[in-house]
Amino acid sequence: MTTQLTRPAPTGPTAVASRRSPARRPRRRPNLYRSLNTVLVAVIVVVQVYPLLWLFLTSVRTEHDFTTGNPFALPGSFTLENYARAFATGNLGLNILNSFIVTMGANILIVLLGMMAAYAIQVLGFRLSRLVRGLFLIGIIVPVQIALVPLFIDYSSVNLLDTYQSMIIPLAGFALPMSVYLFSSFFEYIPRETYEAASLDGAGPYRIFGQITFPLSVNTIVTVVLVNSIFIWNDFIFANTFVLSDGLKTIPLGLQNYIGAMGKVDWTATFAAVCVTITPLLLVFLVLNKAMRYGLESGATKG
């Protein structure tokens, strides 16, 4: 038979004090870095949100209230007539449709060509793959302005001026370097054992690309599309250079219709038109924000 020895409970003033007063936790000192970070984030939010809020409030002000009062003050009266005038003054619906076609066409080319190029460079690999990737990255620093005159001459010789292709091709071409970089960085993050196991099962490069690489790259695809859609949707240089007819004008060109004689601008209708045109991008960003953030963290920061 075994007996268990127990330590006697402490008695005396020490035991009474320990039962009455619990141990005090040390107070956390305010973290200066966290406070500065919070202030910085608040400032960034205000800087980003205030122009959008001011734009929306101005779009519902009457023209007399905007021209005679303080343009940065709160509106004295609200009206939706500006939106009706925005659609009546210019071809806003047609401009939105043209921008949508150009944006979708360019993004399809960017995703397909960028994924295939990054797959060949990073996954398949070849002798000069690093050199080819470096040449793609050099394209990031090439300004678009140097291609306007050569492209205009080439388009005029092959009858591509005043077409959707004249805008889609250069927009996709100048966005390819960043797309290749994002996709190749993400493909480097995928374990090589995944591709080796698929190869042992008899899968070829096309099957691996379609059944493994493409499904795993959904978040990176969303990131590439959203990042490029901002610049394509707001593109003015290529559209202004290669578009000659009113039927193919995109949103940036269509906003010029609100400038009247002698440079008079219908500001309230213009702000209403801008609100209509930026709403699709804002909704897409709000819906796909998490996927874009994950794609940037898992792909763009690797490699």
C-alpha atoms as a PDB file:
ATOM      1  CA  MET A   1       0.000   0.000   0.000  1.00  0.00           C
ATOM      2  CA  THR A   2       1.375   3.361  -1.018  1.00  0.00           C
ATOM      3  CA  THR A   3       0.647   6.623   0.615  1.00  0.00           C
ATOM      4  CA  GLN A   4       0.695   9.946  -1.229  1.00  0.00           C
ATOM      5  CA  LEU A   5       2.363  12.779   0.566  1.00  0.00           C
ATOM      6  CA  THR A   6       0.647  16.139   0.208  1.00  0.00           C
ATOM      7  CA  ARG A   7       2.283  19.440   0.850  1.00  0.00           C
ATOM      8  CA  PRO A   8       0.493  21.314   3.622  1.00  0.00           C
ATOM      9  CA  ALA A   9      -1.306  24.478   2.580  1.00  0.00           C
ATOM     10  CA  PRO A  10       0.504  27.649   3.505  1.00  0.00           C
ATOM     11  CA  THR A  11      -0.708  29.363   6.582  1.00  0.00           C
ATOM     12  CA  GLY A  12      -0.105  32.722   8.117  1.00  0.00           C
ATOM     13  CA  PRO A  13      -0.149  36.240   6.714  1.00  0.00           C
ATOM     14  CA  THR A  14       1.308  35.156   3.359  1.00  0.00           C
ATOM     15  CA  ALA A  15      -1.578  32.767   2.660  1.00  0.00           C
ATOM     16  CA  VAL A  16      -4.189  35.325   3.631  1.00  0.00           C
ATOM     17  CA  ALA A  17      -2.620  37.983   1.377  1.00  0.00           C
ATOM     18  CA  SER A  18      -2.420  35.590  -1.552  1.00  0.00           C
ATOM     19  CA  ARG A  19      -6.118  34.719  -1.196  1.00  0.00           C
ATOM     20  CA  ARG A  20      -7.298  38.299  -0.861  1.00  0.00           C
ATOM     21  CA  SER A  21      -5.220  40.113  -3.512  1.00  0.00           C
ATOM     22  CA  PRO A  22      -4.872  38.465  -6.948  1.00  0.00           C
ATOM     23  CA  ALA A  23      -1.691  38.991  -8.921  1.00  0.00           C
ATOM     24  CA  ARG A  24      -1.723  42.256 -10.791  1.00  0.00           C
ATOM     25  CA  ARG A  25      -0.996  42.104 -14.491  1.00  0.00           C
ATOM     26  CA  PRO A  26       1.448  44.656 -15.784  1.00  0.00           C
ATOM     27  CA  ARG A  27      -0.209  47.403 -17.737  1.00  0.00           C
ATOM     28  CA  ARG A  28       0.406  47.400 -21.438  1.00  0.00           C
ATOM     29  CA  ARG A  29       2.241  50.442 -22.550  1.00  0.00           C
ATOM     30  CA  PRO A  30       0.787  52.111 -25.627  1.00  0.00           C
ATOM     31  CA  ASN A  31       2.538  50.842 -28.719  1.00  0.00           C
ATOM     32  CA  LEU A  32       3.806  53.859 -30.640  1.00  0.00           C
ATOM     33  CA  TYR A  33       4.110  51.896 -33.869  1.00  0.00           C
ATOM     34  CA  ARG A  34       0.521  50.646 -33.637  1.00  0.00           C
ATOM     35  CA  SER A  35      -0.790  54.128 -32.924  1.00  0.00           C
ATOM     36  CA  LEU A  36       1.084  55.634 -35.863  1.00  0.00           C
ATOM     37  CA  ASN A  37      -0.125  52.795 -38.084  1.00  0.00           C
ATOM     38  CA  THR A  38      -3.731  53.440 -37.068  1.00  0.00           C
ATOM     39  CA  VAL A  39      -3.410  57.160 -37.747  1.00  0.00           C
ATOM     40  CA  LEU A  40      -1.792  56.505 -41.127  1.00  0.00           C
ATOM     41  CA  VAL A  41      -4.542  54.077 -42.154  1.00  0.00           C
ATOM     42  CA  ALA A  42      -7.210  56.573 -41.066  1.00  0.00           C
ATOM     43  CA  VAL A  43      -5.580  59.323 -43.139  1.00  0.00           C
ATOM     44  CA  ILE A  44      -5.377  57.051 -46.192  1.00  0.00           C
ATOM     45  CA  VAL A  45      -9.041  56.081 -45.814  1.00  0.00           C
ATOM     46  CA  VAL A  46     -10.100  59.722 -45.576  1.00  0.00           C
ATOM     47  CA  VAL A  47      -8.000  60.670 -48.608  1.00  0.00           C
ATOM     48  CA  GLN A  48      -9.492  57.805 -50.636  1.00  0.00           C
ATOM     49  CA  VAL A  49     -13.110  58.080 -49.508  1.00  0.00           C
ATOM     50  CA  TYR A  50     -13.558  61.864 -49.459  1.00  0.00           C
ATOM     51  CA  PRO A  51     -13.193  62.385 -53.265  1.00  0.00           C
ATOM     52  CA  LEU A  52     -15.739  59.633 -53.929  1.00  0.00           C
ATOM     53  CA  LEU A  53     -18.159  61.092 -51.410  1.00  0.00           C
ATOM     54  CA  TRP A  54     -17.694  64.596 -52.810  1.00  0.00           C
ATOM     55  CA  LEU A  55     -18.188  63.266 -56.344  1.00  0.00           C
ATOM     56  CA  PHE A  56     -21.465  61.579 -55.424  1.00  0.00           C
ATOM     57  CA  LEU A  57     -22.787  64.599 -53.509  1.00  0.00           C
ATOM     58  CA  THR A  58     -21.917  66.913 -56.396  1.00  0.00           C
ATOM     59  CA  SER A  59     -23.702  64.631 -58.859  1.00  0.00           C
ATOM     60  CA  VAL A  60     -27.011  65.148 -57.005  1.00  0.00           C
ATOM     61  CA  ARG A  61     -26.690  68.935 -56.609  1.00  0.00           C
ATOM     62  CA  THR A  62     -28.572  71.326 -58.809  1.00  0.00           C
ATOM     63  CA  GLU A  63     -26.541  73.223 -61.356  1.00  0.00           C
ATOM     64  CA  HIS A  64     -27.471  76.574 -59.792  1.00  0.00           C
ATOM     65  CA  ASP A  65     -26.455  75.372 -56.323  1.00  0.00           C
ATOM     66  CA  PHE A  66     -23.074  74.179 -57.619  1.00  0.00           C
ATOM     67  CA  THR A  67     -22.212  77.294 -59.624  1.00  0.00           C
ATOM     68  CA  THR A  68     -23.406  79.923 -57.136  1.00  0.00           C
ATOM     69  CA  GLY A  69     -22.474  78.261 -53.844  1.00  0.00           C
ATOM     70  CA  ASN A  70     -19.373  76.712 -52.392  1.00  0.00           C
ATOM     71  CA  PRO A  71     -18.542  73.654 -54.541  1.00  0.00           C
ATOM     72  CA  PHE A  72     -17.044  71.847 -51.542  1.00  0.00           C
ATOM     73  CA  ALA A  73     -19.950  72.514 -49.197  1.00  0.00           C
ATOM     74  CA  LEU A  74     -22.842  70.188 -48.536  1.00  0.00           C
ATOM     75  CA  PRO A  75     -25.543  70.389 -51.216  1.00  0.00           C
ATOM     76  CA  GLY A  76     -28.430  72.672 -50.447  1.00  0.00           C
ATOM     77  CA  SER A  77     -30.837  70.707 -52.657  1.00  0.00           C
ATOM     78  CA  PHE A  78     -30.869  67.247 -54.190  1.00  0.00           C
ATOM     79  CA  THR A  79     -31.920  66.232 -57.693  1.00  0.00           C
ATOM     80  CA  LEU A  80     -31.542  63.230 -60.005  1.00  0.00           C
ATOM     81  CA  GLU A  81     -31.951  65.336 -63.126  1.00  0.00           C
ATOM     82  CA  ASN A  82     -28.184  65.341 -63.604  1.00  0.00           C
ATOM     83  CA  TYR A  83     -28.187  61.594 -64.308  1.00  0.00           C
ATOM     84  CA  ALA A  84     -30.963  61.928 -66.871  1.00  0.00           C
ATOM     85  CA  ARG A  85     -29.096  64.803 -68.521  1.00  0.00           C
ATOM     86  CA  ALA A  86     -25.870  62.788 -68.495  1.00  0.00           C
ATOM     87  CA  PHE A  87     -27.467  60.043 -70.594  1.00  0.00           C
ATOM     88  CA  ALA A  88     -29.263  62.549 -72.824  1.00  0.00           C
ATOM     89  CA  THR A  89     -26.243  64.781 -73.518  1.00  0.00           C
ATOM     90  CA  GLY A  90     -23.781  62.094 -74.545  1.00  0.00           C
ATOM     91  CA  ASN A  91     -23.780  58.462 -75.636  1.00  0.00           C
ATOM     92  CA  LEU A  92     -23.039  57.261 -72.122  1.00  0.00           C
ATOM     93  CA  GLY A  93     -24.601  53.831 -72.573  1.00  0.00           C
ATOM     94  CA  LEU A  94     -22.662  53.203 -75.788  1.00  0.00           C
ATOM     95  CA  ASN A  95     -19.448  54.468 -74.197  1.00  0.00           C
ATOM     96  CA  ILE A  96     -19.876  52.058 -71.282  1.00  0.00           C
ATOM     97  CA  LEU A  97     -20.501  49.177 -73.697  1.00  0.00           C
ATOM     98  CA  ASN A  98     -17.375  50.017 -75.716  1.00  0.00           C
ATOM     99  CA  SER A  99     -15.251  50.234 -72.565  1.00  0.00           C
ATOM    100  CA  PHE A 100     -16.645  46.896 -71.406  1.00  0.00           C
ATOM    101  CA  ILE A 101     -15.805  45.215 -74.731  1.00  0.00           C
ATOM    102  CA  VAL A 102     -12.280  46.626 -74.764  1.00  0.00           C
ATOM    103  CA  THR A 103     -11.689  45.723 -71.106  1.00  0.00           C
ATOM    104  CA  MET A 104     -12.938  42.154 -71.480  1.00  0.00           C
ATOM    105  CA  GLY A 105     -11.078  41.558 -74.743  1.00  0.00           C
ATOM    106  CA  ALA A 106      -7.794  42.883 -73.371  1.00  0.00           C
ATOM    107  CA  ASN A 107      -8.137  40.919 -70.116  1.00  0.00           C
ATOM    108  CA  ILE A 108      -8.770  37.669 -71.983  1.00  0.00           C
ATOM    109  CA  LEU A 109      -5.571  38.158 -73.978  1.00  0.00           C
ATOM    110  CA  ILE A 110      -3.622  39.213 -70.890  1.00  0.00           C
ATOM    111  CA  VAL A 111      -4.684  36.187 -68.847  1.00  0.00           C
ATOM    112  CA  LEU A 112      -4.245  33.571 -71.590  1.00  0.00           C
ATOM    113  CA  LEU A 113      -0.949  34.865 -72.964  1.00  0.00           C
ATOM    114  CA  GLY A 114       0.444  35.751 -69.541  1.00  0.00           C
ATOM    115  CA  MET A 115      -0.412  32.361 -68.039  1.00  0.00           C
ATOM    116  CA  MET A 116       0.988  30.409 -70.988  1.00  0.00           C
ATOM    117  CA  ALA A 117       4.191  32.447 -71.059  1.00  0.00           C
ATOM    118  CA  ALA A 118       4.703  32.098 -67.298  1.00  0.00           C
ATOM    119  CA  TYR A 119       3.907  28.362 -67.503  1.00  0.00           C
ATOM    120  CA  ALA A 120       6.530  27.863 -70.188  1.00  0.00           C
ATOM    121  CA  ILE A 121       9.126  29.942 -68.323  1.00  0.00           C
ATOM    122  CA  GLN A 122       8.574  28.770 -64.756  1.00  0.00           C
ATOM    123  CA  VAL A 123       7.086  25.269 -64.962  1.00  0.00           C
ATOM    124  CA  LEU A 124       8.346  23.726 -68.196  1.00  0.00           C
ATOM    125  CA  GLY A 125      11.627  25.606 -68.212  1.00  0.00           C
ATOM    126  CA  PHE A 126      14.198  25.824 -70.971  1.00  0.00           C
ATOM    127  CA  ARG A 127      17.773  26.934 -71.368  1.00  0.00           C
ATOM    128  CA  LEU A 128      17.191  30.686 -71.676  1.00  0.00           C
ATOM    129  CA  SER A 129      14.074  30.898 -69.511  1.00  0.00           C
ATOM    130  CA  ARG A 130      15.595  33.383 -67.061  1.00  0.00           C
ATOM    131  CA  LEU A 131      16.701  35.624 -69.891  1.00  0.00           C
ATOM    132  CA  VAL A 132      13.234  35.568 -71.427  1.00  0.00           C
ATOM    133  CA  ARG A 133      11.686  36.412 -68.064  1.00  0.00           C
ATOM    134  CA  GLY A 134      14.117  39.301 -67.678  1.00  0.00           C
ATOM    135  CA  LEU A 135      13.148  40.626 -71.108  1.00  0.00           C
ATOM    136  CA  PHE A 136       9.500  40.539 -70.078  1.00  0.00           C
ATOM    137  CA  LEU A 137      10.302  42.471 -66.904  1.00  0.00           C
ATOM    138  CA  ILE A 138      12.160  45.113 -68.913  1.00  0.00           C
ATOM    139  CA  GLY A 139       8.867  45.760 -70.695  1.00  0.00           C
ATOM    140  CA  ILE A 140       7.429  47.163 -67.461  1.00  0.00           C
ATOM    141  CA  ILE A 141       9.566  50.298 -67.759  1.00  0.00           C
ATOM    142  CA  VAL A 142       8.757  50.922 -71.445  1.00  0.00           C
ATOM    143  CA  PRO A 143       6.434  53.964 -71.759  1.00  0.00           C
ATOM    144  CA  VAL A 144       3.370  53.563 -73.923  1.00  0.00           C
ATOM    145  CA  GLN A 145       3.888  56.901 -75.658  1.00  0.00           C
ATOM    146  CA  ILE A 146       6.794  55.624 -77.766  1.00  0.00           C
ATOM    147  CA  ALA A 147       4.503  53.119 -79.516  1.00  0.00           C
ATOM    148  CA  LEU A 148       1.774  55.540 -80.614  1.00  0.00           C
ATOM    149  CA  VAL A 149       3.267  56.697 -83.920  1.00  0.00           C
ATOM    150  CA  PRO A 150       4.580  53.270 -85.082  1.00  0.00           C
ATOM    151  CA  LEU A 151       1.276  51.617 -84.166  1.00  0.00           C
ATOM    152  CA  PHE A 152      -0.714  54.321 -85.968  1.00  0.00           C
ATOM    153  CA  ILE A 153       1.348  53.792 -89.138  1.00  0.00           C
ATOM    154  CA  ASP A 154       1.011  49.990 -88.928  1.00  0.00           C
ATOM    155  CA  TYR A 155      -2.716  50.133 -88.209  1.00  0.00           C
ATOM    156  CA  SER A 156      -3.310  52.447 -91.154  1.00  0.00           C
ATOM    157  CA  SER A 157      -1.470  50.063 -93.478  1.00  0.00           C
ATOM    158  CA  VAL A 158      -3.492  47.001 -92.381  1.00  0.00           C
ATOM    159  CA  ASN A 159      -6.837  48.816 -91.965  1.00  0.00           C
ATOM    160  CA  LEU A 160      -7.066  48.381 -88.186  1.00  0.00           C
ATOM    161  CA  LEU A 161      -7.671  52.017 -87.348  1.00  0.00           C
ATOM    162  CA  ASP A 162     -11.035  52.789 -85.724  1.00  0.00           C
ATOM    163  CA  THR A 163     -11.591  49.208 -84.523  1.00  0.00           C
ATOM    164  CA  TYR A 164     -11.767  47.485 -81.164  1.00  0.00           C
ATOM    165  CA  GLN A 165      -8.604  45.568 -82.022  1.00  0.00           C
ATOM    166  CA  SER A 166      -6.613  48.794 -82.329  1.00  0.00           C
ATOM    167  CA  MET A 167      -7.222  49.418 -78.609  1.00  0.00           C
ATOM    168  CA  ILE A 168      -7.219  45.843 -77.310  1.00  0.00           C
ATOM    169  CA  ILE A 169      -3.884  44.758 -78.815  1.00  0.00           C
ATOM    170  CA  PRO A 170      -1.624  47.510 -77.355  1.00  0.00           C
ATOM    171  CA  LEU A 171      -3.435  47.488 -74.005  1.00  0.00           C
ATOM    172  CA  ALA A 172      -2.858  43.742 -73.699  1.00  0.00           C
ATOM    173  CA  GLY A 173       0.709  43.994 -74.941  1.00  0.00           C
ATOM    174  CA  PHE A 174       1.808  46.625 -72.431  1.00  0.00           C
ATOM    175  CA  ALA A 175       0.100  44.744 -69.575  1.00  0.00           C
ATOM    176  CA  LEU A 176       1.766  41.413 -70.364  1.00  0.00           C
ATOM    177  CA  PRO A 177       5.086  42.038 -68.501  1.00  0.00           C
ATOM    178  CA  MET A 178       3.401  42.523 -65.132  1.00  0.00           C
ATOM    179  CA  SER A 179       1.031  39.640 -65.850  1.00  0.00           C
ATOM    180  CA  VAL A 180       3.916  37.288 -66.640  1.00  0.00           C
ATOM    181  CA  TYR A 181       5.689  38.364 -63.471  1.00  0.00           C
ATOM    182  CA  LEU A 182       2.655  37.712 -61.247  1.00  0.00           C
ATOM    183  CA  PHE A 183       1.875  34.338 -62.798  1.00  0.00           C
ATOM    184  CA  SER A 184       5.477  33.118 -62.807  1.00  0.00           C
ATOM    185  CA  SER A 185       5.900  34.140 -59.176  1.00  0.00           C
ATOM    186  CA  PHE A 186       2.776  32.206 -58.246  1.00  0.00           C
ATOM    187  CA  PHE A 187       3.831  29.135 -60.250  1.00  0.00           C
ATOM    188  CA  GLU A 188       7.106  29.138 -58.359  1.00  0.00           C
ATOM    189  CA  TYR A 189       5.081  28.917 -55.163  1.00  0.00           C
ATOM    190  CA  ILE A 190       3.342  25.688 -56.313  1.00  0.00           C
ATOM    191  CA  PRO A 191       5.290  22.599 -55.094  1.00  0.00           C
ATOM    192  CA  ARG A 192       7.214  20.786 -57.795  1.00  0.00           C
ATOM    193  CA  GLU A 193       5.969  17.466 -56.411  1.00  0.00           C
ATOM    194  CA  THR A 194       2.509  18.304 -57.744  1.00  0.00           C
ATOM    195  CA  TYR A 195       3.766  18.469 -61.309  1.00  0.00           C
ATOM    196  CA  GLU A 196       5.987  15.405 -60.856  1.00  0.00           C
ATOM    197  CA  ALA A 197       3.080  13.341 -59.551  1.00  0.00           C
ATOM    198  CA  ALA A 198       0.937  14.395 -62.497  1.00  0.00           C
ATOM    199  CA  SER A 199       3.730  13.500 -64.915  1.00  0.00           C
ATOM    200  CA  LEU A 200       4.090  10.047 -63.348  1.00  0.00           C
ATOM    201  CA  ASP A 201       0.364   9.508 -63.872  1.00  0.00           C
ATOM    202  CA  GLY A 202       0.839  10.140 -67.580  1.00  0.00           C
ATOM    203  CA  ALA A 203      -0.346  13.739 -67.794  1.00  0.00           C
ATOM    204  CA  GLY A 204       1.229  15.849 -70.503  1.00  0.00           C
ATOM    205  CA  PRO A 205       2.062  19.579 -70.316  1.00  0.00           C
ATOM    206  CA  TYR A 206      -1.310  20.628 -71.762  1.00  0.00           C
ATOM    207  CA  ARG A 207      -3.245  18.449 -69.326  1.00  0.00           C
ATOM    208  CA  ILE A 208      -1.184  19.690 -66.391  1.00  0.00           C
ATOM    209  CA  PHE A 209      -1.834  23.275 -67.471  1.00  0.00           C
ATOM    210  CA  GLY A 210      -5.580  22.765 -67.836  1.00  0.00           C
ATOM    211  CA  GLN A 211      -6.286  20.544 -64.821  1.00  0.00           C
ATOM    212  CA  ILE A 212      -3.700  21.646 -62.248  1.00  0.00           C
ATOM    213  CA  THR A 213      -2.143  25.011 -63.018  1.00  0.00           C
ATOM    214  CA  PHE A 214      -5.259  26.817 -64.195  1.00  0.00           C
ATOM    215  CA  PRO A 215      -7.534  25.840 -61.253  1.00  0.00           C
ATOM    216  CA  LEU A 216      -4.840  26.744 -58.732  1.00  0.00           C
ATOM    217  CA  SER A 217      -4.362  30.172 -60.330  1.00  0.00           C
ATOM    218  CA  VAL A 218      -7.910  31.478 -59.884  1.00  0.00           C
ATOM    219  CA  ASN A 219      -6.958  34.071 -57.256  1.00  0.00           C
ATOM    220  CA  THR A 220      -3.976  35.230 -59.292  1.00  0.00           C
ATOM    221  CA  ILE A 221      -6.204  35.530 -62.359  1.00  0.00           C
ATOM    222  CA  VAL A 222      -8.606  37.708 -60.374  1.00  0.00           C
ATOM    223  CA  THR A 223      -5.686  39.857 -59.215  1.00  0.00           C
ATOM    224  CA  VAL A 224      -4.324  40.309 -62.743  1.00  0.00           C
ATOM    225  CA  VAL A 225      -7.764  41.147 -64.146  1.00  0.00           C
ATOM    226  CA  LEU A 226      -8.602  43.692 -61.462  1.00  0.00           C
ATOM    227  CA  VAL A 227      -5.211  45.416 -61.558  1.00  0.00           C
ATOM    228  CA  ASN A 228      -5.290  45.761 -65.342  1.00  0.00           C
ATOM    229  CA  SER A 229      -8.982  46.649 -65.540  1.00  0.00           C
ATOM    230  CA  ILE A 230      -8.321  49.940 -63.745  1.00  0.00           C
ATOM    231  CA  PHE A 231      -5.935  51.142 -66.441  1.00  0.00           C
ATOM    232  CA  ILE A 232      -7.858  49.650 -69.375  1.00  0.00           C
ATOM    233  CA  TRP A 233     -11.202  51.060 -68.246  1.00  0.00           C
ATOM    234  CA  ASN A 234      -9.673  54.534 -67.837  1.00  0.00           C
ATOM    235  CA  ASP A 235      -7.421  54.417 -70.903  1.00  0.00           C
ATOM    236  CA  PHE A 236      -7.388  57.625 -72.900  1.00  0.00           C
ATOM    237  CA  ILE A 237      -4.142  57.556 -74.908  1.00  0.00           C
ATOM    238  CA  PHE A 238      -4.803  54.597 -77.200  1.00  0.00           C
ATOM    239  CA  ALA A 239      -8.509  55.343 -77.580  1.00  0.00           C
ATOM    240  CA  ASN A 240      -7.865  58.980 -78.440  1.00  0.00           C
ATOM    241  CA  THR A 241      -5.180  58.019 -80.976  1.00  0.00           C
ATOM    242  CA  PHE A 242      -6.772  55.104 -82.798  1.00  0.00           C
ATOM    243  CA  VAL A 243     -10.530  55.787 -82.533  1.00  0.00           C
ATOM    244  CA  LEU A 244     -11.955  58.164 -85.116  1.00  0.00           C
ATOM    245  CA  SER A 245     -15.737  57.624 -84.990  1.00  0.00           C
ATOM    246  CA  ASP A 246     -18.237  58.356 -82.234  1.00  0.00           C
ATOM    247  CA  GLY A 247     -19.568  54.796 -82.303  1.00  0.00           C
ATOM    248  CA  LEU A 248     -16.353  53.353 -80.820  1.00  0.00           C
ATOM    249  CA  LYS A 249     -15.597  55.990 -78.216  1.00  0.00           C
ATOM    250  CA  THR A 250     -14.918  54.678 -74.736  1.00  0.00           C
ATOM    251  CA  ILE A 251     -15.803  56.378 -71.461  1.00  0.00           C
ATOM    252  CA  PRO A 252     -12.792  58.747 -71.254  1.00  0.00           C
ATOM    253  CA  LEU A 253     -13.493  59.982 -74.782  1.00  0.00           C
ATOM    254  CA  GLY A 254     -17.238  60.138 -74.195  1.00  0.00           C
ATOM    255  CA  LEU A 255     -16.815  62.500 -71.249  1.00  0.00           C
ATOM    256  CA  GLN A 256     -15.648  65.139 -73.728  1.00  0.00           C
ATOM    257  CA  ASN A 257     -19.240  65.369 -74.974  1.00  0.00           C
ATOM    258  CA  TYR A 258     -20.159  67.317 -71.829  1.00  0.00           C
ATOM    259  CA  ILE A 259     -17.932  70.224 -72.880  1.00  0.00           C
ATOM    260  CA  GLY A 260     -20.121  72.738 -74.659  1.00  0.00           C
ATOM    261  CA  ALA A 261     -19.431  75.810 -76.735  1.00  0.00           C
ATOM    262  CA  MET A 262     -16.605  78.113 -75.671  1.00  0.00           C
ATOM    263  CA  GLY A 263     -15.344  75.464 -73.270  1.00  0.00           C
ATOM    264  CA  LYS A 264     -18.417  75.560 -71.029  1.00  0.00           C
ATOM    265  CA  VAL A 265     -18.659  72.370 -68.998  1.00  0.00           C
ATOM    266  CA  ASP A 266     -21.835  70.911 -67.560  1.00  0.00           C
ATOM    267  CA  TRP A 267     -20.148  69.934 -64.316  1.00  0.00           C
ATOM    268  CA  THR A 268     -23.076  68.343 -62.508  1.00  0.00           C
ATOM    269  CA  ALA A 269     -23.930  66.135 -65.499  1.00  0.00           C
ATOM    270  CA  THR A 270     -20.252  65.285 -65.874  1.00  0.00           C
ATOM    271  CA  PHE A 271     -20.006  64.208 -62.237  1.00  0.00           C
ATOM    272  CA  ALA A 272     -23.158  62.144 -62.653  1.00  0.00           C
ATOM    273  CA  ALA A 273     -21.635  60.428 -65.696  1.00  0.00           C
ATOM    274  CA  VAL A 274     -18.415  59.740 -63.778  1.00  0.00           C
ATOM    275  CA  CYS A 275     -20.419  58.223 -60.920  1.00  0.00           C
ATOM    276  CA  VAL A 276     -22.160  55.899 -63.367  1.00  0.00           C
ATOM    277  CA  THR A 277     -18.892  54.841 -64.993  1.00  0.00           C
ATOM    278  CA  ILE A 278     -16.920  54.121 -61.807  1.00  0.00           C
ATOM    279  CA  THR A 279     -19.732  52.202 -60.103  1.00  0.00           C
ATOM    280  CA  PRO A 280     -19.038  48.880 -61.932  1.00  0.00           C
ATOM    281  CA  LEU A 281     -15.375  48.920 -60.938  1.00  0.00           C
ATOM    282  CA  LEU A 282     -16.197  49.708 -57.317  1.00  0.00           C
ATOM    283  CA  LEU A 283     -18.742  46.881 -57.124  1.00  0.00           C
ATOM    284  CA  VAL A 284     -16.299  44.392 -58.650  1.00  0.00           C
ATOM    285  CA  PHE A 285     -13.575  45.440 -56.213  1.00  0.00           C
ATOM    286  CA  LEU A 286     -15.899  45.096 -53.236  1.00  0.00           C
ATOM    287  CA  VAL A 287     -16.991  41.608 -54.305  1.00  0.00           C
ATOM    288  CA  LEU A 288     -13.548  40.277 -55.289  1.00  0.00           C
ATOM    289  CA  ASN A 289     -11.437  42.166 -52.766  1.00  0.00           C
ATOM    290  CA  LYS A 290     -10.567  39.080 -50.720  1.00  0.00           C
ATOM    291  CA  ALA A 291      -9.544  37.043 -53.765  1.00  0.00           C
ATOM    292  CA  MET A 292      -7.380  39.893 -55.023  1.00  0.00           C
ATOM    293  CA  ARG A 293      -5.659  40.296 -51.659  1.00  0.00           C
ATOM    294  CA  TYR A 294      -4.970  36.569 -51.442  1.00  0.00           C
ATOM    295  CA  GLY A 295      -3.621  36.511 -54.971  1.00  0.00           C
ATOM    296  CA  LEU A 296      -1.204  39.336 -54.221  1.00  0.00           C
ATOM    297  CA  GLU A 297      -0.035  37.718 -50.991  1.00  0.00           C
ATOM    298  CA  SER A 298       0.402  34.186 -52.387  1.00  0.00           C
ATOM    299  CA  GLY A 299       1.760  35.059 -55.807  1.00  0.00           C
ATOM    300  CA  ALA A 300       3.216  38.513 -56.142  1.00  0.00           C
ATOM    301  CA  THR A 301       5.267  38.370 -52.946  1.00  0.00           C
ATOM    302  CA  LYS A 302       6.908  35.068 -53.797  1.00  0.00           C
ATOM    303  CA  GLY A 303       9.837  34.375 -55.985  1.00  0.00           C
END
